[in-house]
């Protein structure tokens, strides 16, 4: 199911993923029980921003729109 929502934050938000794909692959994705979902998230990292590996980024949908996965919300 896909849900579209507008979220108003009370504080600035850092990106939800490491811009370093190696960090994501070796640490974050390795904690996932669903290997297919982990690869999907790795593919959703924005290629243009991966050059600055010390920053955080948001995953993107196929249209390039920033996304937050359901498990990242409380």
N, C-alpha and C. Protein backbone atom coordinates (compact mmCIF):
# COMPACT_ATOMS: atom_id res chain seq x y z
N UNK A 1 0.84 -1.18 0.00
CA UNK A 1 0.00 0.00 0.00
C UNK A 1 0.88 1.23 0.00
N UNK A 2 0.53 2.21 -0.77
CA UNK A 2 1.27 3.46 -0.83
C UNK A 2 0.40 4.57 -0.26
N UNK A 3 1.00 5.35 0.63
CA UNK A 3 0.30 6.44 1.28
C UNK A 3 1.06 7.72 1.01
N UNK A 4 0.39 8.73 0.54
CA UNK A 4 1.01 10.03 0.32
C UNK A 4 0.57 10.95 1.44
N UNK A 5 1.54 11.59 2.10
CA UNK A 5 1.23 12.48 3.22
C UNK A 5 2.16 13.67 3.22
N UNK A 6 1.71 14.75 3.79
CA UNK A 6 2.55 15.94 3.97
C UNK A 6 2.87 15.98 5.47
N UNK A 7 4.16 16.04 5.77
CA UNK A 7 4.60 16.02 7.16
C UNK A 7 5.24 17.36 7.49
N UNK A 8 4.82 17.96 8.59
CA UNK A 8 5.42 19.21 9.05
C UNK A 8 6.30 18.86 10.26
N UNK A 9 7.59 19.11 10.12
CA UNK A 9 8.53 18.80 11.20
C UNK A 9 8.64 19.96 12.17
N UNK A 10 8.91 19.65 13.42
CA UNK A 10 9.10 20.70 14.42
C UNK A 10 10.58 21.10 14.51
N UNK A 11 11.46 20.26 13.98
CA UNK A 11 12.90 20.53 13.94
C UNK A 11 13.42 20.10 12.58
N UNK A 12 14.58 20.62 12.18
CA UNK A 12 15.17 20.19 10.93
C UNK A 12 15.50 18.71 11.00
N UNK A 13 15.41 18.04 9.88
CA UNK A 13 15.64 16.60 9.84
C UNK A 13 16.86 16.29 8.99
N UNK A 14 17.75 15.48 9.53
CA UNK A 14 18.87 14.98 8.74
C UNK A 14 18.36 13.91 7.80
N UNK A 15 19.14 13.57 6.80
CA UNK A 15 18.77 12.50 5.89
C UNK A 15 18.58 11.20 6.65
N UNK A 16 17.90 10.27 6.04
CA UNK A 16 17.57 9.01 6.70
C UNK A 16 18.49 7.87 6.29
N UNK A 17 19.48 8.15 5.43
CA UNK A 17 20.40 7.10 4.97
C UNK A 17 21.79 7.68 4.79
N UNK A 18 22.78 6.83 4.94
CA UNK A 18 24.16 7.24 4.69
C UNK A 18 24.36 7.43 3.20
N UNK A 19 25.08 8.46 2.81
CA UNK A 19 25.38 8.68 1.40
C UNK A 19 26.46 7.73 0.90
N UNK A 20 27.07 7.00 1.82
CA UNK A 20 28.09 6.04 1.45
C UNK A 20 27.42 4.68 1.23
N UNK A 21 27.31 4.22 -0.02
CA UNK A 21 26.60 2.96 -0.27
C UNK A 21 27.26 1.76 0.41
N UNK A 22 28.58 1.83 0.65
CA UNK A 22 29.25 0.72 1.34
C UNK A 22 28.78 0.63 2.79
N UNK A 23 28.62 1.77 3.45
CA UNK A 23 28.11 1.78 4.83
C UNK A 23 26.71 1.20 4.84
N UNK A 24 25.90 1.63 3.90
CA UNK A 24 24.52 1.13 3.85
C UNK A 24 24.50 -0.37 3.61
N UNK A 25 25.28 -0.83 2.66
CA UNK A 25 25.28 -2.25 2.31
C UNK A 25 25.84 -3.11 3.44
N UNK A 26 26.95 -2.70 4.03
CA UNK A 26 27.64 -3.52 5.01
C UNK A 26 27.02 -3.46 6.41
N UNK A 27 26.41 -2.35 6.76
CA UNK A 27 25.88 -2.24 8.12
C UNK A 27 24.36 -2.23 8.16
N UNK A 28 23.78 -1.22 7.57
CA UNK A 28 22.34 -1.03 7.69
C UNK A 28 21.56 -2.16 7.01
N UNK A 29 21.86 -2.42 5.76
CA UNK A 29 21.12 -3.45 5.02
C UNK A 29 21.39 -4.83 5.59
N UNK A 30 22.55 -5.03 6.16
CA UNK A 30 22.87 -6.36 6.71
C UNK A 30 22.01 -6.68 7.93
N UNK A 31 21.44 -5.67 8.57
CA UNK A 31 20.57 -5.89 9.73
C UNK A 31 19.15 -6.28 9.32
N UNK A 32 18.85 -6.16 8.04
CA UNK A 32 17.51 -6.45 7.55
C UNK A 32 17.31 -7.95 7.36
N UNK A 33 16.15 -8.43 7.73
CA UNK A 33 15.81 -9.83 7.52
C UNK A 33 15.34 -10.07 6.09
N UNK A 34 15.05 -8.99 5.37
CA UNK A 34 14.52 -9.09 4.01
C UNK A 34 15.57 -8.57 3.03
N UNK A 35 16.33 -9.46 2.43
CA UNK A 35 17.43 -9.08 1.53
C UNK A 35 16.91 -8.31 0.31
N UNK A 36 15.74 -8.69 -0.19
CA UNK A 36 15.18 -7.99 -1.35
C UNK A 36 14.86 -6.54 -1.01
N UNK A 37 14.28 -6.32 0.17
CA UNK A 37 13.96 -4.95 0.62
C UNK A 37 15.24 -4.14 0.81
N UNK A 38 16.29 -4.78 1.34
CA UNK A 38 17.57 -4.09 1.55
C UNK A 38 18.15 -3.63 0.22
N UNK A 39 18.08 -4.45 -0.81
CA UNK A 39 18.59 -4.07 -2.13
C UNK A 39 17.73 -2.96 -2.73
N UNK A 40 16.43 -3.01 -2.48
CA UNK A 40 15.52 -1.96 -2.97
C UNK A 40 15.90 -0.62 -2.35
N UNK A 41 16.20 -0.62 -1.06
CA UNK A 41 16.59 0.62 -0.38
C UNK A 41 17.94 1.12 -0.90
N UNK A 42 18.87 0.22 -1.14
CA UNK A 42 20.17 0.61 -1.68
C UNK A 42 20.00 1.26 -3.04
N UNK A 43 19.12 0.70 -3.86
CA UNK A 43 18.86 1.27 -5.18
C UNK A 43 18.17 2.63 -5.10
N UNK A 44 17.50 2.92 -3.99
CA UNK A 44 16.77 4.18 -3.84
C UNK A 44 17.64 5.32 -3.34
N UNK A 45 18.93 5.05 -3.10
CA UNK A 45 19.83 6.13 -2.71
C UNK A 45 20.07 7.03 -3.92
N UNK A 46 20.06 8.35 -3.74
CA UNK A 46 20.21 9.27 -4.88
C UNK A 46 21.65 9.28 -5.39
N UNK A 47 21.86 8.85 -6.62
CA UNK A 47 23.20 8.73 -7.20
C UNK A 47 23.95 10.06 -7.21
N UNK A 48 23.26 11.15 -7.47
CA UNK A 48 23.93 12.45 -7.57
C UNK A 48 24.54 12.89 -6.25
N UNK A 49 24.00 12.44 -5.14
CA UNK A 49 24.50 12.88 -3.83
C UNK A 49 25.48 11.89 -3.22
N UNK A 50 25.75 10.78 -3.88
CA UNK A 50 26.63 9.78 -3.30
C UNK A 50 28.10 10.18 -3.37
N UNK A 51 28.41 11.27 -4.07
CA UNK A 51 29.79 11.72 -4.17
C UNK A 51 30.31 12.23 -2.83
N UNK A 52 29.45 12.79 -2.00
CA UNK A 52 29.84 13.30 -0.69
C UNK A 52 29.46 12.25 0.34
N UNK A 53 30.36 11.31 0.54
CA UNK A 53 30.04 10.12 1.32
C UNK A 53 29.91 10.37 2.82
N UNK A 54 30.27 11.52 3.31
CA UNK A 54 30.18 11.76 4.75
C UNK A 54 28.84 12.39 5.15
N UNK A 55 27.95 12.54 4.24
CA UNK A 55 26.66 13.16 4.56
C UNK A 55 25.54 12.14 4.59
N UNK A 56 24.40 12.58 5.05
CA UNK A 56 23.22 11.72 5.01
C UNK A 56 22.30 12.22 3.90
N UNK A 57 21.51 11.32 3.36
CA UNK A 57 20.62 11.64 2.25
C UNK A 57 19.27 10.99 2.49
N UNK A 58 18.31 11.34 1.67
CA UNK A 58 17.00 10.69 1.70
C UNK A 58 16.91 9.73 0.53
N UNK A 59 16.29 8.58 0.74
CA UNK A 59 16.00 7.68 -0.36
C UNK A 59 15.07 8.43 -1.31
N UNK A 60 15.04 8.03 -2.57
CA UNK A 60 14.20 8.69 -3.58
C UNK A 60 13.35 7.65 -4.29
N UNK A 61 12.16 8.09 -4.71
CA UNK A 61 11.33 7.20 -5.53
C UNK A 61 11.83 7.29 -6.97
N UNK A 62 11.26 6.52 -7.89
CA UNK A 62 11.74 6.55 -9.28
C UNK A 62 11.67 7.92 -9.95
N UNK A 63 10.82 8.80 -9.44
CA UNK A 63 10.71 10.15 -9.99
C UNK A 63 11.67 11.13 -9.34
N UNK A 64 12.47 10.67 -8.37
CA UNK A 64 13.44 11.52 -7.71
C UNK A 64 12.90 12.27 -6.50
N UNK A 65 11.69 11.94 -6.07
CA UNK A 65 11.06 12.60 -4.92
C UNK A 65 11.56 11.93 -3.63
N UNK A 66 12.00 12.72 -2.64
CA UNK A 66 12.46 12.11 -1.37
C UNK A 66 11.35 11.31 -0.71
N UNK A 67 11.73 10.17 -0.14
CA UNK A 67 10.75 9.31 0.52
C UNK A 67 11.25 8.90 1.90
N UNK A 68 10.32 8.53 2.76
CA UNK A 68 10.63 7.96 4.08
C UNK A 68 9.87 6.65 4.14
N UNK A 69 10.58 5.57 4.49
CA UNK A 69 9.93 4.26 4.58
C UNK A 69 9.05 4.19 5.82
N UNK A 70 8.04 3.34 5.78
CA UNK A 70 7.07 3.25 6.86
C UNK A 70 7.70 2.93 8.21
N UNK A 71 8.74 2.12 8.22
CA UNK A 71 9.36 1.75 9.51
C UNK A 71 10.15 2.90 10.12
N UNK A 72 10.35 3.99 9.37
CA UNK A 72 11.08 5.14 9.89
C UNK A 72 10.17 6.13 10.63
N UNK A 73 8.89 5.89 10.60
CA UNK A 73 7.93 6.76 11.27
C UNK A 73 7.41 6.07 12.52
N UNK A 74 7.10 6.86 13.50
CA UNK A 74 6.58 6.31 14.75
C UNK A 74 5.15 6.74 14.93
